[in-house]
């Protein structure tokens, strides 16, 4: 599970972490944090980390500019630089590199404890992982084993999804030509989508069921659901690789929590029909299909 740098800036806005360059990369995903003060350490990055540095390891053989480029090429999502005794300021060449590569560069004053920023980020990532596992299991049971209400109703009620609310399920299918995308690619899309949903809307659950990504809307009107689905569709289009296409279908409304499997089943049927071109949808960006 990951969060985006844009989300992180909201989480730690009280800690004076200032964006210096790379604003166009704020939607990069962050899976964890890593302290890197030398190029020896940077090779241990696995990708998608938000890197922190005090600059203590900088010397004649390693400039701050070189360190920034190193962590970028190792797959980091961004870097936070501690301004203080080791780094007095961020030079223009670093700013230019970051802007050219959409690589977010932040600065924090020496008075701010970077460990606290890292703690907040890691806690949020862990919390989201736990929450997503719990919700995914509950929705899987709601969709596939609706009779066994004890496996999903108590969990979803704790999240505020009550038995007599109105619900509708939207299904998202991502493919490349006639081939399903790999599981890790689907997970990456779900991670980005979950963050987008969480920070922009309320009462919408996200999960993965087999090859489908599902959204469960709670107490939304037809108009609201359609508008959000279109917004989600357009956002997804900006994340897709060139060969990827998406199909989004929306099921029927139900008015009991233990009936959401009916909306899910309808949305899945529509998705399969749309995939086989049996029904027409609305095309956006000449690449993808939105079906109502």
C-alpha atoms as a PDB file:
ATOM      1  CA  UNK A   1       0.000   0.000   0.000  1.00  0.00           C
ATOM      2  CA  UNK A   2       1.282   3.459  -0.857  1.00  0.00           C
ATOM      3  CA  UNK A   3       0.282   7.073  -0.497  1.00  0.00           C
ATOM      4  CA  UNK A   4       1.134   9.939  -2.805  1.00  0.00           C
ATOM      5  CA  UNK A   5       3.497  12.778  -2.072  1.00  0.00           C
ATOM      6  CA  UNK A   6       0.580  15.160  -2.436  1.00  0.00           C
ATOM      7  CA  UNK A   7      -1.183  13.348   0.398  1.00  0.00           C
ATOM      8  CA  UNK A   8       1.987  13.462   2.491  1.00  0.00           C
ATOM      9  CA  UNK A   9       2.215  17.234   2.164  1.00  0.00           C
ATOM     10  CA  UNK A  10      -1.242  17.471   3.752  1.00  0.00           C
ATOM     11  CA  UNK A  11      -0.307  15.087   6.545  1.00  0.00           C
ATOM     12  CA  UNK A  12       2.787  17.052   7.560  1.00  0.00           C
ATOM     13  CA  UNK A  13       1.805  20.586   6.586  1.00  0.00           C
ATOM     14  CA  UNK A  14       2.281  21.645  10.223  1.00  0.00           C
ATOM     15  CA  UNK A  15       5.956  20.622  10.120  1.00  0.00           C
ATOM     16  CA  UNK A  16       7.213  23.227   7.642  1.00  0.00           C
ATOM     17  CA  UNK A  17       8.131  20.823   4.835  1.00  0.00           C
ATOM     18  CA  UNK A  18       8.355  23.187   1.875  1.00  0.00           C
ATOM     19  CA  UNK A  19       8.203  22.125  -1.775  1.00  0.00           C
ATOM     20  CA  UNK A  20      11.143  23.619  -3.665  1.00  0.00           C
ATOM     21  CA  UNK A  21      10.836  21.922  -7.073  1.00  0.00           C
ATOM     22  CA  UNK A  22       9.185  19.069  -8.967  1.00  0.00           C
ATOM     23  CA  UNK A  23       5.570  20.070  -8.375  1.00  0.00           C
ATOM     24  CA  UNK A  24       4.356  18.001 -11.335  1.00  0.00           C
ATOM     25  CA  UNK A  25       5.538  14.858  -9.539  1.00  0.00           C
ATOM     26  CA  UNK A  26       3.352  15.250  -6.455  1.00  0.00           C
ATOM     27  CA  UNK A  27       1.193  12.299  -7.492  1.00  0.00           C
ATOM     28  CA  UNK A  28       4.162   9.930  -7.281  1.00  0.00           C
ATOM     29  CA  UNK A  29       3.515   7.021  -4.935  1.00  0.00           C
ATOM     30  CA  UNK A  30       5.457   6.488  -1.713  1.00  0.00           C
ATOM     31  CA  UNK A  31       5.666   2.994  -0.234  1.00  0.00           C
ATOM     32  CA  UNK A  32       8.041   3.875   2.630  1.00  0.00           C
ATOM     33  CA  UNK A  33      10.700   6.346   3.800  1.00  0.00           C
ATOM     34  CA  UNK A  34      14.492   6.021   3.800  1.00  0.00           C
ATOM     35  CA  UNK A  35      17.319   8.104   5.236  1.00  0.00           C
ATOM     36  CA  UNK A  36      20.091   8.476   2.639  1.00  0.00           C
ATOM     37  CA  UNK A  37      23.212  10.515   3.339  1.00  0.00           C
ATOM     38  CA  UNK A  38      25.588   8.916   0.854  1.00  0.00           C
ATOM     39  CA  UNK A  39      25.639   7.264  -2.553  1.00  0.00           C
ATOM     40  CA  UNK A  40      26.652   4.018  -0.835  1.00  0.00           C
ATOM     41  CA  UNK A  41      23.271   3.940   0.917  1.00  0.00           C
ATOM     42  CA  UNK A  42      21.263   5.044  -2.108  1.00  0.00           C
ATOM     43  CA  UNK A  43      21.902   1.749  -3.918  1.00  0.00           C
ATOM     44  CA  UNK A  44      19.773  -0.006  -1.283  1.00  0.00           C
ATOM     45  CA  UNK A  45      16.641   1.849  -2.362  1.00  0.00           C
ATOM     46  CA  UNK A  46      13.944  -0.452  -3.758  1.00  0.00           C
ATOM     47  CA  UNK A  47      11.937   2.250  -5.485  1.00  0.00           C
ATOM     48  CA  UNK A  48       9.060   4.563  -4.526  1.00  0.00           C
ATOM     49  CA  UNK A  49      10.623   5.671  -1.242  1.00  0.00           C
ATOM     50  CA  UNK A  50      10.545   9.254  -0.034  1.00  0.00           C
ATOM     51  CA  UNK A  51      14.194   9.919   0.747  1.00  0.00           C
ATOM     52  CA  UNK A  52      15.402  12.105   3.616  1.00  0.00           C
ATOM     53  CA  UNK A  53      18.891  13.536   3.935  1.00  0.00           C
ATOM     54  CA  UNK A  54      20.755  15.810   6.317  1.00  0.00           C
ATOM     55  CA  UNK A  55      23.709  16.146   3.948  1.00  0.00           C
ATOM     56  CA  UNK A  56      26.163  14.885   6.558  1.00  0.00           C
ATOM     57  CA  UNK A  57      27.719  12.493   4.040  1.00  0.00           C
ATOM     58  CA  UNK A  58      28.403  15.127   1.385  1.00  0.00           C
ATOM     59  CA  UNK A  59      32.058  15.797   0.512  1.00  0.00           C
ATOM     60  CA  UNK A  60      34.368  16.607  -2.390  1.00  0.00           C
ATOM     61  CA  UNK A  61      33.439  13.325  -4.060  1.00  0.00           C
ATOM     62  CA  UNK A  62      29.673  13.636  -3.565  1.00  0.00           C
ATOM     63  CA  UNK A  63      27.738  16.869  -4.037  1.00  0.00           C
ATOM     64  CA  UNK A  64      24.102  17.383  -3.083  1.00  0.00           C
ATOM     65  CA  UNK A  65      23.246  17.561  -6.782  1.00  0.00           C
ATOM     66  CA  UNK A  66      24.845  14.164  -7.376  1.00  0.00           C
ATOM     67  CA  UNK A  67      23.015  12.666  -4.396  1.00  0.00           C
ATOM     68  CA  UNK A  68      19.666  13.951  -5.671  1.00  0.00           C
ATOM     69  CA  UNK A  69      20.330  12.493  -9.125  1.00  0.00           C
ATOM     70  CA  UNK A  70      21.474   9.193  -7.572  1.00  0.00           C
ATOM     71  CA  UNK A  71      18.287   8.664  -5.574  1.00  0.00           C
ATOM     72  CA  UNK A  72      16.185   9.705  -8.566  1.00  0.00           C
ATOM     73  CA  UNK A  73      17.856   7.085 -10.776  1.00  0.00           C
ATOM     74  CA  UNK A  74      17.445   4.477  -8.021  1.00  0.00           C
ATOM     75  CA  UNK A  75      13.669   4.986  -8.247  1.00  0.00           C
ATOM     76  CA  UNK A  76      12.960   7.245  -5.281  1.00  0.00           C
ATOM     77  CA  UNK A  77       9.707   9.191  -5.443  1.00  0.00           C
ATOM     78  CA  UNK A  78      11.138  12.388  -3.999  1.00  0.00           C
ATOM     79  CA  UNK A  79      13.662  13.807  -1.542  1.00  0.00           C
ATOM     80  CA  UNK A  80      13.449  15.910   1.609  1.00  0.00           C
ATOM     81  CA  UNK A  81      16.574  17.941   2.399  1.00  0.00           C
ATOM     82  CA  UNK A  82      17.384  19.183   5.882  1.00  0.00           C
ATOM     83  CA  UNK A  83      18.626  22.774   5.660  1.00  0.00           C
ATOM     84  CA  UNK A  84      21.232  23.364   8.358  1.00  0.00           C
ATOM     85  CA  UNK A  85      24.935  22.890   9.074  1.00  0.00           C
ATOM     86  CA  UNK A  86      25.562  20.481   6.180  1.00  0.00           C
ATOM     87  CA  UNK A  87      23.286  21.961   3.509  1.00  0.00           C
ATOM     88  CA  UNK A  88      22.922  25.727   3.546  1.00  0.00           C
ATOM     89  CA  UNK A  89      20.621  26.000   0.531  1.00  0.00           C
ATOM     90  CA  UNK A  90      19.387  24.119  -2.524  1.00  0.00           C
ATOM     91  CA  UNK A  91      21.181  25.215  -5.678  1.00  0.00           C
ATOM     92  CA  UNK A  92      19.481  26.141  -8.920  1.00  0.00           C
ATOM     93  CA  UNK A  93      20.886  23.129 -10.797  1.00  0.00           C
ATOM     94  CA  UNK A  94      19.024  20.822  -8.397  1.00  0.00           C
ATOM     95  CA  UNK A  95      15.824  22.814  -8.852  1.00  0.00           C
ATOM     96  CA  UNK A  96      16.200  22.632 -12.635  1.00  0.00           C
ATOM     97  CA  UNK A  97      16.850  18.875 -12.568  1.00  0.00           C
ATOM     98  CA  UNK A  98      13.839  18.268 -10.308  1.00  0.00           C
ATOM     99  CA  UNK A  99      11.504  20.348 -12.470  1.00  0.00           C
ATOM    100  CA  UNK A 100      12.710  18.700 -15.679  1.00  0.00           C
ATOM    101  CA  UNK A 101      12.122  15.223 -14.236  1.00  0.00           C
ATOM    102  CA  UNK A 102       8.986  15.931 -12.158  1.00  0.00           C
ATOM    103  CA  UNK A 103      10.946  14.855  -9.084  1.00  0.00           C
ATOM    104  CA  UNK A 104       9.655  16.529  -5.910  1.00  0.00           C
ATOM    105  CA  UNK A 105      12.344  18.179  -3.781  1.00  0.00           C
ATOM    106  CA  UNK A 106      11.465  19.519  -0.344  1.00  0.00           C
ATOM    107  CA  UNK A 107      13.384  21.408   2.298  1.00  0.00           C
ATOM    108  CA  UNK A 108      12.828  21.428   6.039  1.00  0.00           C
ATOM    109  CA  UNK A 109      14.591  23.655   8.575  1.00  0.00           C
ATOM    110  CA  UNK A 110      17.074  22.130  11.008  1.00  0.00           C
ATOM    111  CA  UNK A 111      14.687  22.853  13.880  1.00  0.00           C
ATOM    112  CA  UNK A 112      12.211  20.298  12.482  1.00  0.00           C
ATOM    113  CA  UNK A 113      12.877  16.687  13.432  1.00  0.00           C
ATOM    114  CA  UNK A 114      12.785  14.712  10.209  1.00  0.00           C
ATOM    115  CA  UNK A 115      12.253  11.549  12.247  1.00  0.00           C
ATOM    116  CA  UNK A 116       8.823  12.881  13.198  1.00  0.00           C
ATOM    117  CA  UNK A 117       7.906  13.434   9.544  1.00  0.00           C
ATOM    118  CA  UNK A 118       9.074   9.911   8.726  1.00  0.00           C
ATOM    119  CA  UNK A 119       7.098   8.488  11.651  1.00  0.00           C
ATOM    120  CA  UNK A 120       3.873  10.166  10.494  1.00  0.00           C
ATOM    121  CA  UNK A 121       4.309   8.900   6.926  1.00  0.00           C
ATOM    122  CA  UNK A 122       5.114   5.315   7.922  1.00  0.00           C
ATOM    123  CA  UNK A 123       2.255   5.226  10.408  1.00  0.00           C
ATOM    124  CA  UNK A 124      -0.198   6.371   7.730  1.00  0.00           C
ATOM    125  CA  UNK A 125       1.065   3.777   5.238  1.00  0.00           C
ATOM    126  CA  UNK A 126       0.782   0.990   7.825  1.00  0.00           C
ATOM    127  CA  UNK A 127      -2.679   2.134   8.910  1.00  0.00           C
ATOM    128  CA  UNK A 128      -3.881   2.153   5.318  1.00  0.00           C
ATOM    129  CA  UNK A 129      -2.483  -1.326   4.739  1.00  0.00           C
ATOM    130  CA  UNK A 130      -4.356  -2.719   7.732  1.00  0.00           C
ATOM    131  CA  UNK A 131      -7.565  -0.897   6.840  1.00  0.00           C
ATOM    132  CA  UNK A 132      -7.458  -2.017   3.234  1.00  0.00           C
ATOM    133  CA  UNK A 133      -6.915  -5.685   4.152  1.00  0.00           C
ATOM    134  CA  UNK A 134      -9.875  -5.566   6.526  1.00  0.00           C
ATOM    135  CA  UNK A 135     -12.199  -3.833   4.066  1.00  0.00           C
ATOM    136  CA  UNK A 136     -11.164  -6.025   1.122  1.00  0.00           C
ATOM    137  CA  UNK A 137     -11.934  -9.177   3.103  1.00  0.00           C
ATOM    138  CA  UNK A 138     -15.292  -7.798   4.234  1.00  0.00           C
ATOM    139  CA  UNK A 139     -16.330  -6.759   0.707  1.00  0.00           C
ATOM    140  CA  UNK A 140     -15.216 -10.083  -0.721  1.00  0.00           C
ATOM    141  CA  UNK A 141     -17.528 -11.815   1.722  1.00  0.00           C
ATOM    142  CA  UNK A 142     -20.344  -9.340   1.004  1.00  0.00           C
ATOM    143  CA  UNK A 143     -20.057  -9.955  -2.751  1.00  0.00           C
ATOM    144  CA  UNK A 144     -19.458 -13.683  -2.739  1.00  0.00           C
ATOM    145  CA  UNK A 145     -20.976 -14.961   0.527  1.00  0.00           C
ATOM    146  CA  UNK A 146     -23.865 -12.558   1.237  1.00  0.00           C
ATOM    147  CA  UNK A 147     -25.701 -15.043   3.449  1.00  0.00           C
ATOM    148  CA  UNK A 148     -22.836 -15.068   5.965  1.00  0.00           C
ATOM    149  CA  UNK A 149     -23.523 -11.569   7.251  1.00  0.00           C
ATOM    150  CA  UNK A 150     -21.352 -12.005  10.337  1.00  0.00           C
ATOM    151  CA  UNK A 151     -18.303 -12.000   8.043  1.00  0.00           C
ATOM    152  CA  UNK A 152     -18.879  -8.479   6.722  1.00  0.00           C
ATOM    153  CA  UNK A 153     -21.756  -6.562   8.339  1.00  0.00           C
ATOM    154  CA  UNK A 154     -20.046  -5.887  11.727  1.00  0.00           C
ATOM    155  CA  UNK A 155     -16.802  -4.792  10.033  1.00  0.00           C
ATOM    156  CA  UNK A 156     -18.498  -2.455   7.563  1.00  0.00           C
ATOM    157  CA  UNK A 157     -20.775  -1.042  10.260  1.00  0.00           C
ATOM    158  CA  UNK A 158     -17.677  -0.028  12.233  1.00  0.00           C
ATOM    159  CA  UNK A 159     -16.636   1.969   9.177  1.00  0.00           C
ATOM    160  CA  UNK A 160     -20.011   3.738   9.107  1.00  0.00           C
ATOM    161  CA  UNK A 161     -21.725   1.598   6.450  1.00  0.00           C
ATOM    162  CA  UNK A 162     -25.092   0.841   8.043  1.00  0.00           C
ATOM    163  CA  UNK A 163     -27.522  -1.962   7.125  1.00  0.00           C
ATOM    164  CA  UNK A 164     -30.265   0.276   5.689  1.00  0.00           C
ATOM    165  CA  UNK A 165     -28.192   2.785   3.712  1.00  0.00           C
ATOM    166  CA  UNK A 166     -28.371   2.961  -0.089  1.00  0.00           C
ATOM    167  CA  UNK A 167     -25.484   1.378  -2.026  1.00  0.00           C
ATOM    168  CA  UNK A 168     -24.272   1.071  -5.588  1.00  0.00           C
ATOM    169  CA  UNK A 169     -21.189  -0.742  -6.864  1.00  0.00           C
ATOM    170  CA  UNK A 170     -18.958   0.451  -9.701  1.00  0.00           C
ATOM    171  CA  UNK A 171     -16.581  -1.990 -11.383  1.00  0.00           C
ATOM    172  CA  UNK A 172     -13.309  -1.009 -13.061  1.00  0.00           C
ATOM    173  CA  UNK A 173     -11.517  -3.349 -15.448  1.00  0.00           C
ATOM    174  CA  UNK A 174      -8.051  -2.504 -16.791  1.00  0.00           C
ATOM    175  CA  UNK A 175      -6.586  -4.392 -19.736  1.00  0.00           C
ATOM    176  CA  UNK A 176      -3.949  -4.190 -22.431  1.00  0.00           C
ATOM    177  CA  UNK A 177      -5.483  -5.051 -25.797  1.00  0.00           C
ATOM    178  CA  UNK A 178      -7.070  -8.440 -25.033  1.00  0.00           C
ATOM    179  CA  UNK A 179      -4.808  -9.284 -22.104  1.00  0.00           C
ATOM    180  CA  UNK A 180      -5.385  -8.689 -18.399  1.00  0.00           C
ATOM    181  CA  UNK A 181      -2.801  -6.557 -16.627  1.00  0.00           C
ATOM    182  CA  UNK A 182      -0.397  -8.134 -14.146  1.00  0.00           C
ATOM    183  CA  UNK A 183      -1.397  -8.286 -10.475  1.00  0.00           C
ATOM    184  CA  UNK A 184       1.350  -5.913  -9.370  1.00  0.00           C
ATOM    185  CA  UNK A 185       0.260  -3.335 -11.958  1.00  0.00           C
ATOM    186  CA  UNK A 186      -3.341  -3.645 -10.762  1.00  0.00           C
ATOM    187  CA  UNK A 187      -2.159  -3.171  -7.172  1.00  0.00           C
ATOM    188  CA  UNK A 188      -0.306  -0.011  -8.187  1.00  0.00           C
ATOM    189  CA  UNK A 189      -3.441   1.418  -9.802  1.00  0.00           C
ATOM    190  CA  UNK A 190      -5.563   0.488  -6.781  1.00  0.00           C
ATOM    191  CA  UNK A 191      -3.060   2.151  -4.459  1.00  0.00           C
ATOM    192  CA  UNK A 192      -3.216   5.412  -6.399  1.00  0.00           C
ATOM    193  CA  UNK A 193      -6.984   5.225  -6.760  1.00  0.00           C
ATOM    194  CA  UNK A 194      -7.533   4.512  -3.060  1.00  0.00           C
ATOM    195  CA  UNK A 195      -5.540   7.590  -2.147  1.00  0.00           C
ATOM    196  CA  UNK A 196      -7.418   9.738  -4.650  1.00  0.00           C
ATOM    197  CA  UNK A 197     -10.791   8.507  -3.361  1.00  0.00           C
ATOM    198  CA  UNK A 198      -9.854   8.866   0.291  1.00  0.00           C
ATOM    199  CA  UNK A 199      -8.644  12.441  -0.040  1.00  0.00           C
ATOM    200  CA  UNK A 200     -11.441  13.694  -2.274  1.00  0.00           C
ATOM    201  CA  UNK A 201     -14.598  11.842  -1.231  1.00  0.00           C
ATOM    202  CA  UNK A 202     -16.311  10.254   1.735  1.00  0.00           C
ATOM    203  CA  UNK A 203     -18.265   7.009   2.061  1.00  0.00           C
ATOM    204  CA  UNK A 204     -16.676   5.214  -0.881  1.00  0.00           C
ATOM    205  CA  UNK A 205     -14.879   1.894  -0.361  1.00  0.00           C
ATOM    206  CA  UNK A 206     -12.201   0.569  -2.708  1.00  0.00           C
ATOM    207  CA  UNK A 207     -11.158  -3.054  -3.101  1.00  0.00           C
ATOM    208  CA  UNK A 208      -9.958  -5.669  -5.581  1.00  0.00           C
ATOM    209  CA  UNK A 209     -12.053  -8.714  -6.406  1.00  0.00           C
ATOM    210  CA  UNK A 210     -10.316 -11.108  -8.781  1.00  0.00           C
ATOM    211  CA  UNK A 211      -9.489  -9.041 -11.897  1.00  0.00           C
ATOM    212  CA  UNK A 212     -11.866  -6.200 -11.022  1.00  0.00           C
ATOM    213  CA  UNK A 213     -11.378  -3.043  -8.992  1.00  0.00           C
ATOM    214  CA  UNK A 214     -14.592  -2.213  -7.172  1.00  0.00           C
ATOM    215  CA  UNK A 215     -15.931   1.015  -5.697  1.00  0.00           C
ATOM    216  CA  UNK A 216     -18.831   0.877  -3.259  1.00  0.00           C
ATOM    217  CA  UNK A 217     -20.790   4.137  -2.966  1.00  0.00           C
ATOM    218  CA  UNK A 218     -22.831   4.725   0.185  1.00  0.00           C
ATOM    219  CA  UNK A 219     -25.765   7.186   0.218  1.00  0.00           C
ATOM    220  CA  UNK A 220     -24.911   8.874  -3.078  1.00  0.00           C
ATOM    221  CA  UNK A 221     -27.564  10.024  -5.538  1.00  0.00           C
ATOM    222  CA  UNK A 222     -27.593   8.911  -9.184  1.00  0.00           C
ATOM    223  CA  UNK A 223     -26.206  12.256 -10.311  1.00  0.00           C
ATOM    224  CA  UNK A 224     -23.451  12.250  -7.675  1.00  0.00           C
ATOM    225  CA  UNK A 225     -22.443   8.684  -8.466  1.00  0.00           C
ATOM    226  CA  UNK A 226     -22.283   9.404 -12.193  1.00  0.00           C
ATOM    227  CA  UNK A 227     -20.231  12.540 -11.670  1.00  0.00           C
ATOM    228  CA  UNK A 228     -17.738  10.833  -9.350  1.00  0.00           C
ATOM    229  CA  UNK A 229     -17.429   7.848 -11.696  1.00  0.00           C
ATOM    230  CA  UNK A 230     -16.581  10.206 -14.550  1.00  0.00           C
ATOM    231  CA  UNK A 231     -14.038  12.020 -12.375  1.00  0.00           C
ATOM    232  CA  UNK A 232     -12.477   8.697 -11.403  1.00  0.00           C
ATOM    233  CA  UNK A 233     -12.465   7.629 -15.036  1.00  0.00           C
ATOM    234  CA  UNK A 234     -10.670  10.785 -16.172  1.00  0.00           C
ATOM    235  CA  UNK A 235      -8.172  10.498 -13.314  1.00  0.00           C
ATOM    236  CA  UNK A 236      -7.431   6.878 -14.190  1.00  0.00           C
ATOM    237  CA  UNK A 237      -6.795   7.887 -17.792  1.00  0.00           C
ATOM    238  CA  UNK A 238      -3.883  10.067 -16.627  1.00  0.00           C
ATOM    239  CA  UNK A 239      -2.267   7.078 -14.881  1.00  0.00           C
ATOM    240  CA  UNK A 240      -2.585   4.521 -17.672  1.00  0.00           C
ATOM    241  CA  UNK A 241       0.304   3.319 -19.771  1.00  0.00           C
ATOM    242  CA  UNK A 242      -0.057   3.836 -23.520  1.00  0.00           C
ATOM    243  CA  UNK A 243      -1.293   0.314 -24.254  1.00  0.00           C
ATOM    244  CA  UNK A 244      -3.763   0.148 -21.352  1.00  0.00           C
ATOM    245  CA  UNK A 245      -7.520   0.660 -21.526  1.00  0.00           C
ATOM    246  CA  UNK A 246     -10.205   0.789 -18.850  1.00  0.00           C
ATOM    247  CA  UNK A 247     -13.882  -0.056 -18.693  1.00  0.00           C
ATOM    248  CA  UNK A 248     -16.041   1.279 -15.865  1.00  0.00           C
ATOM    249  CA  UNK A 249     -19.568  -0.010 -15.289  1.00  0.00           C
ATOM    250  CA  UNK A 250     -22.074   0.897 -12.600  1.00  0.00           C
ATOM    251  CA  UNK A 251     -24.532  -1.561 -11.054  1.00  0.00           C
ATOM    252  CA  UNK A 252     -28.060  -1.016  -9.808  1.00  0.00           C
ATOM    253  CA  UNK A 253     -28.948   0.702  -6.543  1.00  0.00           C
ATOM    254  CA  UNK A 254     -29.753  -1.451  -3.509  1.00  0.00           C
ATOM    255  CA  UNK A 255     -31.058  -0.334  -0.155  1.00  0.00           C
ATOM    256  CA  UNK A 256     -29.644  -2.885   2.235  1.00  0.00           C
ATOM    257  CA  UNK A 257     -26.038  -3.695   3.050  1.00  0.00           C
ATOM    258  CA  UNK A 258     -26.671  -7.413   2.599  1.00  0.00           C
ATOM    259  CA  UNK A 259     -27.878  -6.737  -0.968  1.00  0.00           C
ATOM    260  CA  UNK A 260     -24.737  -5.068  -2.341  1.00  0.00           C
ATOM    261  CA  UNK A 261     -23.804  -8.352  -4.025  1.00  0.00           C
ATOM    262  CA  UNK A 262     -26.705  -7.710  -6.414  1.00  0.00           C
ATOM    263  CA  UNK A 263     -25.225  -4.370  -7.497  1.00  0.00           C
ATOM    264  CA  UNK A 264     -21.796  -5.986  -7.807  1.00  0.00           C
ATOM    265  CA  UNK A 265     -23.135  -8.817  -9.968  1.00  0.00           C
ATOM    266  CA  UNK A 266     -24.946  -6.377 -12.277  1.00  0.00           C
ATOM    267  CA  UNK A 267     -21.837  -4.218 -12.687  1.00  0.00           C
ATOM    268  CA  UNK A 268     -19.738  -7.304 -13.474  1.00  0.00           C
ATOM    269  CA  UNK A 269     -22.230  -8.494 -16.092  1.00  0.00           C
ATOM    270  CA  UNK A 270     -22.248  -5.078 -17.747  1.00  0.00           C
ATOM    271  CA  UNK A 271     -18.465  -5.024 -17.717  1.00  0.00           C
ATOM    272  CA  UNK A 272     -18.240  -8.390 -19.457  1.00  0.00           C
ATOM    273  CA  UNK A 273     -20.785  -7.330 -22.061  1.00  0.00           C
ATOM    274  CA  UNK A 274     -18.954  -4.078 -22.672  1.00  0.00           C
ATOM    275  CA  UNK A 275     -15.626  -5.888 -22.947  1.00  0.00           C
ATOM    276  CA  UNK A 276     -17.067  -8.108 -25.667  1.00  0.00           C
ATOM    277  CA  UNK A 277     -18.524  -5.022 -27.429  1.00  0.00           C
ATOM    278  CA  UNK A 278     -22.092  -6.268 -26.923  1.00  0.00           C
ATOM    279  CA  UNK A 279     -23.106  -2.913 -25.476  1.00  0.00           C
ATOM    280  CA  UNK A 280     -21.847   0.526 -26.313  1.00  0.00           C
ATOM    281  CA  UNK A 281     -20.334   2.969 -23.898  1.00  0.00           C
ATOM    282  CA  UNK A 282     -19.150   6.540 -23.810  1.00  0.00           C
ATOM    283  CA  UNK A 283     -15.578   6.918 -25.058  1.00  0.00           C
ATOM    284  CA  UNK A 284     -13.205   9.387 -23.454  1.00  0.00           C
ATOM    285  CA  UNK A 285      -9.730  10.373 -24.689  1.00  0.00           C
ATOM    286  CA  UNK A 286     -10.204   7.989 -27.633  1.00  0.00           C
ATOM    287  CA  UNK A 287      -8.894   5.170 -25.479  1.00  0.00           C
ATOM    288  CA  UNK A 288     -11.304   3.952 -22.848  1.00  0.00           C
ATOM    289  CA  UNK A 289     -14.927   3.170 -22.208  1.00  0.00           C
ATOM    290  CA  UNK A 290     -17.391   4.345 -19.580  1.00  0.00           C
ATOM    291  CA  UNK A 291     -20.639   2.371 -19.506  1.00  0.00           C
ATOM    292  CA  UNK A 292     -23.857   3.315 -17.749  1.00  0.00           C
END
